[in-house]
Amino acid sequence: MPYVILMLAVLAETIGTTALQASQQFSRPLPSVIVVVAYGVAFYLLAIALKTFPVGIAYAMWSGMGIVFIAVIGFAAFGQKLDLAAILGIALIMAGIIVINLFSGTATH
């Protein structure tokens, strides 16, 4: 269940960041409201996940997965392109998340 809560936190953060782009610097009301609500939900769920995960591990997974998801959304929804260095960097972030979850004894307390 802690992983589900953390994934929901990532999903909320991803929605908030996507809405942040769509808000056009908070000049559009609906996306601006979505930013505030989604980030509030994201941090609330992250706080719940911290009951199980050490803060460094939870934040590494939360921010890393958020980076990957936002890069994909940026490409698909906003036409933002990534160069080879960016793709390799994101692949390394994904590899780090996988290593933490498969091999680290500190992934949960």
PDB file of N, CA and C in Angstrom:
ATOM      1  N   MET A   1       0.798  -1.206   0.000  1.00  0.00           N
ATOM      2  CA  MET A   1       0.000   0.000   0.000  1.00  0.00           C
ATOM      3  C   MET A   1       0.845   1.277   0.000  1.00  0.00           C
ATOM      4  N   PRO A   2       2.013   1.311   0.677  1.00  0.00           N
ATOM      5  CA  PRO A   2       2.823   2.537   0.653  1.00  0.00           C
ATOM      6  C   PRO A   2       3.251   2.919  -0.769  1.00  0.00           C
ATOM      7  N   TYR A   3       3.540   1.919  -1.597  1.00  0.00           N
ATOM      8  CA  TYR A   3       3.925   2.217  -2.978  1.00  0.00           C
ATOM      9  C   TYR A   3       2.756   2.812  -3.759  1.00  0.00           C
ATOM     10  N   VAL A   4       1.554   2.360  -3.482  1.00  0.00           N
ATOM     11  CA  VAL A   4       0.370   2.907  -4.156  1.00  0.00           C
ATOM     12  C   VAL A   4       0.194   4.377  -3.756  1.00  0.00           C
ATOM     13  N   ILE A   5       0.344   4.664  -2.482  1.00  0.00           N
ATOM     14  CA  ILE A   5       0.209   6.044  -2.009  1.00  0.00           C
ATOM     15  C   ILE A   5       1.280   6.924  -2.644  1.00  0.00           C
ATOM     16  N   LEU A   6       2.498   6.425  -2.711  1.00  0.00           N
ATOM     17  CA  LEU A   6       3.575   7.191  -3.335  1.00  0.00           C
ATOM     18  C   LEU A   6       3.298   7.406  -4.822  1.00  0.00           C
ATOM     19  N   MET A   7       2.797   6.395  -5.507  1.00  0.00           N
ATOM     20  CA  MET A   7       2.465   6.555  -6.930  1.00  0.00           C
ATOM     21  C   MET A   7       1.330   7.559  -7.123  1.00  0.00           C
ATOM     22  N   LEU A   8       0.363   7.572  -6.226  1.00  0.00           N
ATOM     23  CA  LEU A   8      -0.712   8.568  -6.302  1.00  0.00           C
ATOM     24  C   LEU A   8      -0.161   9.980  -6.069  1.00  0.00           C
ATOM     25  N   ALA A   9       0.822  10.088  -5.185  1.00  0.00           N
ATOM     26  CA  ALA A   9       1.478  11.379  -4.969  1.00  0.00           C
ATOM     27  C   ALA A   9       2.181  11.836  -6.240  1.00  0.00           C
ATOM     28  N   VAL A  10       2.858  10.906  -6.906  1.00  0.00           N
ATOM     29  CA  VAL A  10       3.536  11.221  -8.173  1.00  0.00           C
ATOM     30  C   VAL A  10       2.508  11.621  -9.228  1.00  0.00           C
ATOM     31  N   LEU A  11       1.416  10.907  -9.291  1.00  0.00           N
ATOM     32  CA  LEU A  11       0.362  11.230 -10.261  1.00  0.00           C
ATOM     33  C   LEU A  11      -0.190  12.638 -10.007  1.00  0.00           C
ATOM     34  N   ALA A  12      -0.450  12.966  -8.748  1.00  0.00           N
ATOM     35  CA  ALA A  12      -0.961  14.302  -8.420  1.00  0.00           C
ATOM     36  C   ALA A  12       0.068  15.372  -8.765  1.00  0.00           C
ATOM     37  N   GLU A  13       1.327  15.112  -8.481  1.00  0.00           N
ATOM     38  CA  GLU A  13       2.385  16.076  -8.802  1.00  0.00           C
ATOM     39  C   GLU A  13       2.498  16.256 -10.307  1.00  0.00           C
ATOM     40  N   THR A  14       2.361  15.175 -11.043  1.00  0.00           N
ATOM     41  CA  THR A  14       2.437  15.232 -12.499  1.00  0.00           C
ATOM     42  C   THR A  14       1.260  16.026 -13.075  1.00  0.00           C
ATOM     43  N   ILE A  15       0.088  15.817 -12.534  1.00  0.00           N
ATOM     44  CA  ILE A  15      -1.083  16.597 -12.954  1.00  0.00           C
ATOM     45  C   ILE A  15      -0.854  18.073 -12.654  1.00  0.00           C
ATOM     46  N   GLY A  16      -0.334  18.369 -11.467  1.00  0.00           N
ATOM     47  CA  GLY A  16      -0.068  19.753 -11.089  1.00  0.00           C
ATOM     48  C   GLY A  16       0.956  20.422 -11.997  1.00  0.00           C
ATOM     49  N   THR A  17       2.008  19.708 -12.329  1.00  0.00           N
ATOM     50  CA  THR A  17       3.043  20.274 -13.198  1.00  0.00           C
ATOM     51  C   THR A  17       2.531  20.461 -14.619  1.00  0.00           C
ATOM     52  N   THR A  18       1.728  19.523 -15.094  1.00  0.00           N
ATOM     53  CA  THR A  18       1.121  19.668 -16.416  1.00  0.00           C
ATOM     54  C   THR A  18       0.189  20.877 -16.441  1.00  0.00           C
ATOM     55  N   ALA A  19      -0.601  21.042 -15.390  1.00  0.00           N
ATOM     56  CA  ALA A  19      -1.495  22.197 -15.300  1.00  0.00           C
ATOM     57  C   ALA A  19      -0.699  23.494 -15.171  1.00  0.00           C
ATOM     58  N   LEU A  20       0.471  23.433 -14.542  1.00  0.00           N
ATOM     59  CA  LEU A  20       1.319  24.615 -14.420  1.00  0.00           C
ATOM     60  C   LEU A  20       1.729  25.117 -15.800  1.00  0.00           C
ATOM     61  N   GLN A  21       2.096  24.200 -16.679  1.00  0.00           N
ATOM     62  CA  GLN A  21       2.418  24.574 -18.056  1.00  0.00           C
ATOM     63  C   GLN A  21       1.176  25.136 -18.751  1.00  0.00           C
ATOM     64  N   ALA A  22       0.049  24.493 -18.555  1.00  0.00           N
ATOM     65  CA  ALA A  22      -1.195  24.927 -19.211  1.00  0.00           C
ATOM     66  C   ALA A  22      -1.728  26.243 -18.644  1.00  0.00           C
ATOM     67  N   SER A  23      -1.328  26.596 -17.419  1.00  0.00           N
ATOM     68  CA  SER A  23      -1.837  27.826 -16.802  1.00  0.00           C
ATOM     69  C   SER A  23      -1.265  29.086 -17.439  1.00  0.00           C
ATOM     70  N   GLN A  24      -0.218  28.928 -18.209  1.00  0.00           N
ATOM     71  CA  GLN A  24       0.448  30.064 -18.857  1.00  0.00           C
ATOM     72  C   GLN A  24       0.784  31.149 -17.826  1.00  0.00           C
ATOM     73  N   GLN A  25       1.644  30.761 -16.890  1.00  0.00           N
ATOM     74  CA  GLN A  25       2.109  31.641 -15.816  1.00  0.00           C
ATOM     75  C   GLN A  25       0.948  32.157 -14.964  1.00  0.00           C
ATOM     76  N   PHE A  26       0.034  31.272 -14.645  1.00  0.00           N
ATOM     77  CA  PHE A  26      -1.133  31.551 -13.795  1.00  0.00           C
ATOM     78  C   PHE A  26      -2.073  32.602 -14.400  1.00  0.00           C
ATOM     79  N   SER A  27      -2.086  32.709 -15.717  1.00  0.00           N
ATOM     80  CA  SER A  27      -2.995  33.654 -16.363  1.00  0.00           C
ATOM     81  C   SER A  27      -4.316  33.003 -16.764  1.00  0.00           C
ATOM     82  N   ARG A  28      -4.410  31.691 -16.646  1.00  0.00           N
ATOM     83  CA  ARG A  28      -5.655  30.971 -16.950  1.00  0.00           C
ATOM     84  C   ARG A  28      -6.183  30.375 -15.647  1.00  0.00           C
ATOM     85  N   PRO A  29      -7.414  30.731 -15.258  1.00  0.00           N
ATOM     86  CA  PRO A  29      -7.925  30.357 -13.930  1.00  0.00           C
ATOM     87  C   PRO A  29      -8.055  28.855 -13.675  1.00  0.00           C
ATOM     88  N   LEU A  30      -8.664  28.092 -14.572  1.00  0.00           N
ATOM     89  CA  LEU A  30      -8.893  26.670 -14.283  1.00  0.00           C
ATOM     90  C   LEU A  30      -7.589  25.897 -14.120  1.00  0.00           C
ATOM     91  N   PRO A  31      -6.634  25.994 -15.048  1.00  0.00           N
ATOM     92  CA  PRO A  31      -5.379  25.278 -14.814  1.00  0.00           C
ATOM     93  C   PRO A  31      -4.660  25.768 -13.553  1.00  0.00           C
ATOM     94  N   SER A  32      -4.805  27.040 -13.217  1.00  0.00           N
ATOM     95  CA  SER A  32      -4.164  27.572 -12.011  1.00  0.00           C
ATOM     96  C   SER A  32      -4.739  26.932 -10.751  1.00  0.00           C
ATOM     97  N   VAL A  33      -6.054  26.759 -10.713  1.00  0.00           N
ATOM     98  CA  VAL A  33      -6.698  26.093  -9.577  1.00  0.00           C
ATOM     99  C   VAL A  33      -6.241  24.634  -9.509  1.00  0.00           C
ATOM    100  N   ILE A  34      -6.155  23.981 -10.663  1.00  0.00           N
ATOM    101  CA  ILE A  34      -5.710  22.579 -10.695  1.00  0.00           C
ATOM    102  C   ILE A  34      -4.294  22.461 -10.145  1.00  0.00           C
ATOM    103  N   VAL A  35      -3.417  23.420 -10.456  1.00  0.00           N
ATOM    104  CA  VAL A  35      -2.047  23.412  -9.926  1.00  0.00           C
ATOM    105  C   VAL A  35      -2.068  23.379  -8.408  1.00  0.00           C
ATOM    106  N   VAL A  36      -2.799  24.284  -7.812  1.00  0.00           N
ATOM    107  CA  VAL A  36      -2.815  24.398  -6.352  1.00  0.00           C
ATOM    108  C   VAL A  36      -3.400  23.144  -5.699  1.00  0.00           C
ATOM    109  N   VAL A  37      -4.508  22.662  -6.218  1.00  0.00           N
ATOM    110  CA  VAL A  37      -5.151  21.473  -5.647  1.00  0.00           C
ATOM    111  C   VAL A  37      -4.261  20.243  -5.835  1.00  0.00           C
ATOM    112  N   ALA A  38      -3.735  20.060  -7.031  1.00  0.00           N
ATOM    113  CA  ALA A  38      -2.922  18.865  -7.313  1.00  0.00           C
ATOM    114  C   ALA A  38      -1.653  18.842  -6.464  1.00  0.00           C
ATOM    115  N   TYR A  39      -0.984  19.990  -6.325  1.00  0.00           N
ATOM    116  CA  TYR A  39       0.210  20.016  -5.477  1.00  0.00           C
ATOM    117  C   TYR A  39      -0.142  19.781  -4.010  1.00  0.00           C
ATOM    118  N   GLY A  40      -1.277  20.308  -3.561  1.00  0.00           N
ATOM    119  CA  GLY A  40      -1.710  20.040  -2.193  1.00  0.00           C
ATOM    120  C   GLY A  40      -1.922  18.557  -1.957  1.00  0.00           C
ATOM    121  N   VAL A  41      -2.599  17.895  -2.893  1.00  0.00           N
ATOM    122  CA  VAL A  41      -2.825  16.448  -2.794  1.00  0.00           C
ATOM    123  C   VAL A  41      -1.492  15.704  -2.849  1.00  0.00           C
ATOM    124  N   ALA A  42      -0.608  16.129  -3.744  1.00  0.00           N
ATOM    125  CA  ALA A  42       0.691  15.456  -3.897  1.00  0.00           C
ATOM    126  C   ALA A  42       1.487  15.502  -2.602  1.00  0.00           C
ATOM    127  N   PHE A  43       1.573  16.675  -1.981  1.00  0.00           N
ATOM    128  CA  PHE A  43       2.351  16.781  -0.748  1.00  0.00           C
ATOM    129  C   PHE A  43       1.675  16.060   0.415  1.00  0.00           C
ATOM    130  N   TYR A  44       0.358  16.060   0.454  1.00  0.00           N
ATOM    131  CA  TYR A  44      -0.350  15.316   1.489  1.00  0.00           C
ATOM    132  C   TYR A  44      -0.042  13.817   1.364  1.00  0.00           C
ATOM    133  N   LEU A  45      -0.141  13.286   0.145  1.00  0.00           N
ATOM    134  CA  LEU A  45       0.136  11.859  -0.064  1.00  0.00           C
ATOM    135  C   LEU A  45       1.605  11.528   0.179  1.00  0.00           C
ATOM    136  N   LEU A  46       2.500  12.435  -0.209  1.00  0.00           N
ATOM    137  CA  LEU A  46       3.916  12.220   0.077  1.00  0.00           C
ATOM    138  C   LEU A  46       4.141  12.158   1.586  1.00  0.00           C
ATOM    139  N   ALA A  47       3.470  13.017   2.327  1.00  0.00           N
ATOM    140  CA  ALA A  47       3.599  12.991   3.790  1.00  0.00           C
ATOM    141  C   ALA A  47       3.129  11.657   4.362  1.00  0.00           C
ATOM    142  N   ILE A  48       2.053  11.116   3.816  1.00  0.00           N
ATOM    143  CA  ILE A  48       1.582   9.801   4.272  1.00  0.00           C
ATOM    144  C   ILE A  48       2.609   8.724   3.939  1.00  0.00           C
ATOM    145  N   ALA A  49       3.190   8.803   2.749  1.00  0.00           N
ATOM    146  CA  ALA A  49       4.202   7.816   2.345  1.00  0.00           C
ATOM    147  C   ALA A  49       5.421   7.863   3.264  1.00  0.00           C
ATOM    148  N   LEU A  50       5.692   9.037   3.847  1.00  0.00           N
ATOM    149  CA  LEU A  50       6.850   9.168   4.737  1.00  0.00           C
ATOM    150  C   LEU A  50       6.689   8.395   6.044  1.00  0.00           C
ATOM    151  N   LYS A  51       5.497   7.884   6.321  1.00  0.00           N
ATOM    152  CA  LYS A  51       5.324   7.005   7.475  1.00  0.00           C
ATOM    153  C   LYS A  51       6.042   5.684   7.246  1.00  0.00           C
ATOM    154  N   THR A  52       6.228   5.315   5.970  1.00  0.00           N
ATOM    155  CA  THR A  52       6.830   4.036   5.618  1.00  0.00           C
ATOM    156  C   THR A  52       8.231   4.186   5.044  1.00  0.00           C
ATOM    157  N   PHE A  53       8.424   5.184   4.191  1.00  0.00           N
ATOM    158  CA  PHE A  53       9.700   5.367   3.495  1.00  0.00           C
ATOM    159  C   PHE A  53      10.552   6.417   4.198  1.00  0.00           C
ATOM    160  N   PRO A  54      11.875   6.231   4.249  1.00  0.00           N
ATOM    161  CA  PRO A  54      12.742   7.325   4.689  1.00  0.00           C
ATOM    162  C   PRO A  54      12.600   8.502   3.720  1.00  0.00           C
ATOM    163  N   VAL A  55      12.754   9.711   4.219  1.00  0.00           N
ATOM    164  CA  VAL A  55      12.494  10.896   3.402  1.00  0.00           C
ATOM    165  C   VAL A  55      13.363  10.940   2.143  1.00  0.00           C
ATOM    166  N   GLY A  56      14.630  10.569   2.236  1.00  0.00           N
ATOM    167  CA  GLY A  56      15.510  10.614   1.068  1.00  0.00           C
ATOM    168  C   GLY A  56      15.083   9.641  -0.012  1.00  0.00           C
ATOM    169  N   ILE A  57      14.667   8.457   0.385  1.00  0.00           N
ATOM    170  CA  ILE A  57      14.230   7.439  -0.566  1.00  0.00           C
ATOM    171  C   ILE A  57      12.894   7.838  -1.183  1.00  0.00           C
ATOM    172  N   ALA A  58      11.954   8.280  -0.346  1.00  0.00           N
ATOM    173  CA  ALA A  58      10.636   8.689  -0.861  1.00  0.00           C
ATOM    174  C   ALA A  58      10.786   9.843  -1.841  1.00  0.00           C
ATOM    175  N   TYR A  59      11.600  10.822  -1.482  1.00  0.00           N
ATOM    176  CA  TYR A  59      11.760  11.979  -2.358  1.00  0.00           C
ATOM    177  C   TYR A  59      12.479  11.602  -3.645  1.00  0.00           C
ATOM    178  N   ALA A  60      13.440  10.711  -3.563  1.00  0.00           N
ATOM    179  CA  ALA A  60      14.142  10.260  -4.775  1.00  0.00           C
ATOM    180  C   ALA A  60      13.168   9.577  -5.730  1.00  0.00           C
ATOM    181  N   MET A  61      12.332   8.700  -5.202  1.00  0.00           N
ATOM    182  CA  MET A  61      11.362   8.015  -6.060  1.00  0.00           C
ATOM    183  C   MET A  61      10.304   8.979  -6.577  1.00  0.00           C
ATOM    184  N   TRP A  62       9.792   9.854  -5.713  1.00  0.00           N
ATOM    185  CA  TRP A  62       8.742  10.804  -6.077  1.00  0.00           C
ATOM    186  C   TRP A  62       9.228  11.757  -7.162  1.00  0.00           C
ATOM    187  N   SER A  63      10.379  12.363  -6.932  1.00  0.00           N
ATOM    188  CA  SER A  63      10.878  13.337  -7.904  1.00  0.00           C
ATOM    189  C   SER A  63      11.362  12.646  -9.174  1.00  0.00           C
ATOM    190  N   GLY A  64      12.011  11.498  -9.040  1.00  0.00           N
ATOM    191  CA  GLY A  64      12.499  10.780 -10.222  1.00  0.00           C
ATOM    192  C   GLY A  64      11.382  10.327 -11.139  1.00  0.00           C
ATOM    193  N   MET A  65      10.352   9.726 -10.556  1.00  0.00           N
ATOM    194  CA  MET A  65       9.220   9.294 -11.385  1.00  0.00           C
ATOM    195  C   MET A  65       8.498  10.495 -11.975  1.00  0.00           C
ATOM    196  N   GLY A  66       8.417  11.576 -11.208  1.00  0.00           N
ATOM    197  CA  GLY A  66       7.797  12.792 -11.725  1.00  0.00           C
ATOM    198  C   GLY A  66       8.540  13.342 -12.931  1.00  0.00           C
ATOM    199  N   ILE A  67       9.870  13.325 -12.875  1.00  0.00           N
ATOM    200  CA  ILE A  67      10.685  13.789 -14.002  1.00  0.00           C
ATOM    201  C   ILE A  67      10.399  12.962 -15.247  1.00  0.00           C
ATOM    202  N   VAL A  68      10.377  11.665 -15.084  1.00  0.00           N
ATOM    203  CA  VAL A  68      10.130  10.777 -16.226  1.00  0.00           C
ATOM    204  C   VAL A  68       8.741  11.025 -16.808  1.00  0.00           C
ATOM    205  N   PHE A  69       7.734  11.057 -15.956  1.00  0.00           N
ATOM    206  CA  PHE A  69       6.358  11.247 -16.442  1.00  0.00           C
ATOM    207  C   PHE A  69       6.180  12.608 -17.115  1.00  0.00           C
ATOM    208  N   ILE A  70       6.745  13.659 -16.528  1.00  0.00           N
ATOM    209  CA  ILE A  70       6.604  14.994 -17.102  1.00  0.00           C
ATOM    210  C   ILE A  70       7.341  15.097 -18.431  1.00  0.00           C
ATOM    211  N   ALA A  71       8.468  14.440 -18.552  1.00  0.00           N
ATOM    212  CA  ALA A  71       9.180  14.450 -19.843  1.00  0.00           C
ATOM    213  C   ALA A  71       8.329  13.809 -20.928  1.00  0.00           C
ATOM    214  N   VAL A  72       7.674  12.707 -20.597  1.00  0.00           N
ATOM    215  CA  VAL A  72       6.794  12.040 -21.565  1.00  0.00           C
ATOM    216  C   VAL A  72       5.588  12.914 -21.891  1.00  0.00           C
ATOM    217  N   ILE A  73       4.974  13.505 -20.864  1.00  0.00           N
ATOM    218  CA  ILE A  73       3.816  14.382 -21.083  1.00  0.00           C
ATOM    219  C   ILE A  73       4.230  15.620 -21.877  1.00  0.00           C
ATOM    220  N   GLY A  74       5.379  16.187 -21.559  1.00  0.00           N
ATOM    221  CA  GLY A  74       5.867  17.351 -22.294  1.00  0.00           C
ATOM    222  C   GLY A  74       6.027  17.053 -23.772  1.00  0.00           C
ATOM    223  N   PHE A  75       6.517  15.871 -24.070  1.00  0.00           N
ATOM    224  CA  PHE A  75       6.666  15.454 -25.467  1.00  0.00           C
ATOM    225  C   PHE A  75       5.310  15.240 -26.122  1.00  0.00           C
ATOM    226  N   ALA A  76       4.439  14.481 -25.442  1.00  0.00           N
ATOM    227  CA  ALA A  76       3.145  14.099 -26.033  1.00  0.00           C
ATOM    228  C   ALA A  76       2.157  15.260 -26.104  1.00  0.00           C
ATOM    229  N   ALA A  77       2.068  16.045 -25.042  1.00  0.00           N
ATOM    230  CA  ALA A  77       1.026  17.073 -24.980  1.00  0.00           C
ATOM    231  C   ALA A  77       1.482  18.444 -25.460  1.00  0.00           C
ATOM    232  N   PHE A  78       2.770  18.747 -25.276  1.00  0.00           N
ATOM    233  CA  PHE A  78       3.239  20.091 -25.588  1.00  0.00           C
ATOM    234  C   PHE A  78       4.269  20.132 -26.715  1.00  0.00           C
ATOM    235  N   GLY A  79       4.589  18.962 -27.288  1.00  0.00           N
ATOM    236  CA  GLY A  79       5.527  18.909 -28.402  1.00  0.00           C
ATOM    237  C   GLY A  79       6.958  19.256 -28.029  1.00  0.00           C
ATOM    238  N   GLN A  80       7.313  19.112 -26.756  1.00  0.00           N
ATOM    239  CA  GLN A  80       8.668  19.423 -26.309  1.00  0.00           C
ATOM    240  C   GLN A  80       9.592  18.253 -26.653  1.00  0.00           C
ATOM    241  N   LYS A  81      10.688  18.548 -27.279  1.00  0.00           N
ATOM    242  CA  LYS A  81      11.625  17.513 -27.723  1.00  0.00           C
ATOM    243  C   LYS A  81      12.781  17.384 -26.735  1.00  0.00           C
ATOM    244  N   LEU A  82      13.297  16.169 -26.623  1.00  0.00           N
ATOM    245  CA  LEU A  82      14.459  15.896 -25.788  1.00  0.00           C
ATOM    246  C   LEU A  82      15.616  15.471 -26.672  1.00  0.00           C
ATOM    247  N   ASP A  83      16.823  15.964 -26.369  1.00  0.00           N
ATOM    248  CA  ASP A  83      17.987  15.513 -27.116  1.00  0.00           C
ATOM    249  C   ASP A  83      18.532  14.233 -26.468  1.00  0.00           C
ATOM    250  N   LEU A  84      19.554  13.669 -27.089  1.00  0.00           N
ATOM    251  CA  LEU A  84      20.098  12.397 -26.618  1.00  0.00           C
ATOM    252  C   LEU A  84      20.597  12.487 -25.175  1.00  0.00           C
ATOM    253  N   ALA A  85      21.260  13.583 -24.826  1.00  0.00           N
ATOM    254  CA  ALA A  85      21.768  13.734 -23.455  1.00  0.00           C
ATOM    255  C   ALA A  85      20.622  13.730 -22.442  1.00  0.00           C
ATOM    256  N   ALA A  86      19.516  14.395 -22.765  1.00  0.00           N
ATOM    257  CA  ALA A  86      18.363  14.421 -21.865  1.00  0.00           C
ATOM    258  C   ALA A  86      17.756  13.031 -21.727  1.00  0.00           C
ATOM    259  N   ILE A  87      17.643  12.318 -22.831  1.00  0.00           N
ATOM    260  CA  ILE A  87      17.088  10.960 -22.797  1.00  0.00           C
ATOM    261  C   ILE A  87      17.974  10.044 -21.969  1.00  0.00           C
ATOM    262  N   LEU A  88      19.291  10.142 -22.151  1.00  0.00           N
ATOM    263  CA  LEU A  88      20.213   9.314 -21.363  1.00  0.00           C
ATOM    264  C   LEU A  88      20.133   9.669 -19.877  1.00  0.00           C
ATOM    265  N   GLY A  89      20.033  10.947 -19.569  1.00  0.00           N
ATOM    266  CA  GLY A  89      19.908  11.366 -18.169  1.00  0.00           C
ATOM    267  C   GLY A  89      18.648  10.823 -17.524  1.00  0.00           C
ATOM    268  N   ILE A  90      17.549  10.885 -18.251  1.00  0.00           N
ATOM    269  CA  ILE A  90      16.289  10.357 -17.728  1.00  0.00           C
ATOM    270  C   ILE A  90      16.370   8.842 -17.565  1.00  0.00           C
ATOM    271  N   ALA A  91      17.038   8.174 -18.488  1.00  0.00           N
ATOM    272  CA  ALA A  91      17.236   6.721 -18.362  1.00  0.00           C
ATOM    273  C   ALA A  91      18.043   6.400 -17.106  1.00  0.00           C
ATOM    274  N   LEU A  92      19.042   7.217 -16.794  1.00  0.00           N
ATOM    275  CA  LEU A  92      19.818   7.009 -15.568  1.00  0.00           C
ATOM    276  C   LEU A  92      18.972   7.229 -14.319  1.00  0.00           C
ATOM    277  N   ILE A  93      18.077   8.213 -14.362  1.00  0.00           N
ATOM    278  CA  ILE A  93      17.163   8.430 -13.241  1.00  0.00           C
ATOM    279  C   ILE A  93      16.283   7.197 -13.046  1.00  0.00           C
ATOM    280  N   MET A  94      15.744   6.664 -14.143  1.00  0.00           N
ATOM    281  CA  MET A  94      14.917   5.456 -14.054  1.00  0.00           C
ATOM    282  C   MET A  94      15.732   4.291 -13.503  1.00  0.00           C
ATOM    283  N   ALA A  95      16.972   4.165 -13.951  1.00  0.00           N
ATOM    284  CA  ALA A  95      17.831   3.089 -13.446  1.00  0.00           C
ATOM    285  C   ALA A  95      18.059   3.242 -11.945  1.00  0.00           C
ATOM    286  N   GLY A  96      18.233   4.465 -11.491  1.00  0.00           N
ATOM    287  CA  GLY A  96      18.417   4.707 -10.065  1.00  0.00           C
ATOM    288  C   GLY A  96      17.202   4.301  -9.248  1.00  0.00           C
ATOM    289  N   ILE A  97      16.025   4.614  -9.738  1.00  0.00           N
ATOM    290  CA  ILE A  97      14.791   4.219  -9.049  1.00  0.00           C
ATOM    291  C   ILE A  97      14.686   2.701  -8.982  1.00  0.00           C
ATOM    292  N   ILE A  98      15.009   2.034 -10.075  1.00  0.00           N
ATOM    293  CA  ILE A  98      14.966   0.567 -10.113  1.00  0.00           C
ATOM    294  C   ILE A  98      15.966  -0.024  -9.128  1.00  0.00           C
ATOM    295  N   VAL A  99      17.186   0.511  -9.092  1.00  0.00           N
ATOM    296  CA  VAL A  99      18.213   0.009  -8.169  1.00  0.00           C
ATOM    297  C   VAL A  99      17.750   0.179  -6.721  1.00  0.00           C
ATOM    298  N   ILE A 100      17.199   1.341  -6.403  1.00  0.00           N
ATOM    299  CA  ILE A 100      16.714   1.577  -5.030  1.00  0.00           C
ATOM    300  C   ILE A 100      15.664   0.533  -4.650  1.00  0.00           C
ATOM    301  N   ASN A 101      14.710   0.308  -5.541  1.00  0.00           N
ATOM    302  CA  ASN A 101      13.605  -0.596  -5.206  1.00  0.00           C
ATOM    303  C   ASN A 101      13.995  -2.056  -5.206  1.00  0.00           C
ATOM    304  N   LEU A 102      14.943  -2.443  -6.036  1.00  0.00           N
ATOM    305  CA  LEU A 102      15.319  -3.848  -6.083  1.00  0.00           C
ATOM    306  C   LEU A 102      16.401  -4.241  -5.091  1.00  0.00           C
ATOM    307  N   PHE A 103      17.316  -3.326  -4.797  1.00  0.00           N
ATOM    308  CA  PHE A 103      18.506  -3.733  -4.057  1.00  0.00           C
ATOM    309  C   PHE A 103      18.724  -3.010  -2.732  1.00  0.00           C
ATOM    310  N   SER A 104      18.023  -1.920  -2.483  1.00  0.00           N
ATOM    311  CA  SER A 104      18.274  -1.168  -1.262  1.00  0.00           C
ATOM    312  C   SER A 104      17.428  -1.692  -0.111  1.00  0.00           C
ATOM    313  N   GLY A 105      18.070  -1.884   1.014  1.00  0.00           N
ATOM    314  CA  GLY A 105      17.355  -2.283   2.218  1.00  0.00           C
ATOM    315  C   GLY A 105      16.673  -1.107   2.900  1.00  0.00           C
ATOM    316  N   THR A 106      16.953   0.106   2.422  1.00  0.00           N
ATOM    317  CA  THR A 106      16.364   1.294   3.046  1.00  0.00           C
ATOM    318  C   THR A 106      15.106   1.777   2.319  1.00  0.00           C
ATOM    319  N   ALA A 107      14.617   1.009   1.342  1.00  0.00           N
ATOM    320  CA  ALA A 107      13.439   1.445   0.583  1.00  0.00           C
ATOM    321  C   ALA A 107      12.215   1.585   1.482  1.00  0.00           C
ATOM    322  N   THR A 108      12.125   0.810   2.518  1.00  0.00           N
ATOM    323  CA  THR A 108      11.053   0.990   3.517  1.00  0.00           C
ATOM    324  C   THR A 108      11.655   0.778   4.885  1.00  0.00           C
ATOM    325  N   HIS A 109      11.064   1.415   5.930  1.00  0.00           N
ATOM    326  CA  HIS A 109      11.599   1.162   7.262  1.00  0.00           C
ATOM    327  C   HIS A 109      10.876  -0.001   7.873  1.00  0.00           C
TER     328      HIS A 109
END
